[in-house]
Protein backbone atom coordinates (compact mmCIF):
# COMPACT_ATOMS: atom_id res chain seq x y z
CA MET A 1 23.29 -28.87 4.99
CA THR A 2 19.82 -27.40 4.06
CA ALA A 3 18.49 -24.95 1.94
CA THR A 4 17.31 -21.70 3.04
CA PRO A 5 13.95 -21.15 2.09
CA SER A 6 12.59 -18.00 -0.44
CA VAL A 7 11.08 -15.24 1.07
CA ASP A 8 8.11 -14.29 0.28
CA LEU A 9 7.98 -10.04 0.24
CA GLU A 10 4.69 -9.77 -0.40
CA THR A 11 3.72 -11.57 3.03
CA SER A 12 3.72 -9.82 6.31
CA VAL A 13 6.14 -11.31 9.20
CA ALA A 14 5.49 -11.64 12.42
CA GLY A 15 6.60 -8.48 14.55
CA GLU A 16 7.21 -6.57 11.24
CA GLU A 17 4.90 -3.71 10.49
CA ASP A 18 2.24 -3.89 7.64
CA PRO A 19 1.75 -0.93 6.13
CA GLY A 20 -1.12 -1.80 4.89
CA ALA A 21 -3.03 -2.97 7.49
CA SER A 22 -3.14 0.51 9.68
CA ASP A 23 -5.41 0.73 12.77
CA GLU A 24 -6.65 3.87 11.24
CA VAL A 25 -7.86 2.38 7.35
CA GLY A 26 -9.59 5.67 5.70
CA SER A 27 -7.88 8.16 7.66
CA ALA A 28 -5.99 9.85 4.83
CA VAL A 29 -8.31 12.88 3.70
CA GLU A 30 -8.85 12.38 -0.18
CA GLN A 31 -8.71 15.19 -2.35
CA PRO A 32 -11.25 15.57 -5.46
CA GLY A 33 -9.58 13.30 -8.52
CA GLU A 34 -7.64 11.22 -5.78
CA LYS A 35 -8.17 8.34 -3.70
CA THR A 36 -6.33 5.82 -1.81
CA CYS A 37 -4.23 3.61 -3.20
CA PRO A 38 -5.84 0.15 -2.11
CA ASP A 39 -2.92 -1.61 -2.83
CA CYS A 40 -1.02 -0.24 -0.05
CA GLY A 41 -3.57 1.45 1.73
CA GLY A 42 -2.23 5.21 1.64
CA SER A 43 1.14 4.57 3.15
CA GLY A 44 3.20 4.43 -0.13
CA GLN A 45 4.92 1.22 0.71
CA ARG A 46 4.53 -2.53 0.16
CA ALA A 47 6.63 -5.29 0.81
CA GLY A 48 8.93 -2.76 2.19
CA ARG A 49 9.38 -0.95 -1.11
CA ALA A 50 7.60 2.10 -3.09
CA CYS A 51 3.82 0.69 -3.98
CA PRO A 52 3.87 -0.26 -7.49
CA THR A 53 0.34 1.29 -8.01
CA CYS A 54 0.73 4.64 -6.86
CA GLY A 55 4.03 5.43 -6.85
CA GLY A 56 4.87 5.39 -3.62
CA THR A 57 2.42 8.57 -3.07
CA GLY A 58 -0.27 6.25 -1.09
CA LYS A 59 -2.78 8.23 -3.55
CA ILE A 60 -4.21 7.59 -7.55
CA ASN A 61 -5.72 9.56 -9.73
CA ALA A 62 -9.47 8.74 -9.20
CA ALA A 63 -12.29 9.48 -12.17
CA VAL A 64 -13.83 12.93 -11.76
CA GLY A 65 -18.18 13.06 -13.17
CA GLY A 66 -18.70 13.91 -16.29
CA GLY A 67 -20.70 13.37 -18.83
């Protein structure tokens, strides 16, 4: 009997949708003060769960000029 190999949820599996690898990179409309999340590519999902970086929104707050 062989042990079942562990599953790496950060790695895409053949035939599985990879939300961070969209054909439409940069297609999200950014508002002033926000940017597309670099970790999920704006999908809000990573490894089938809400992206921890943006909380599932697909956007992060960006610094707006100051001085």
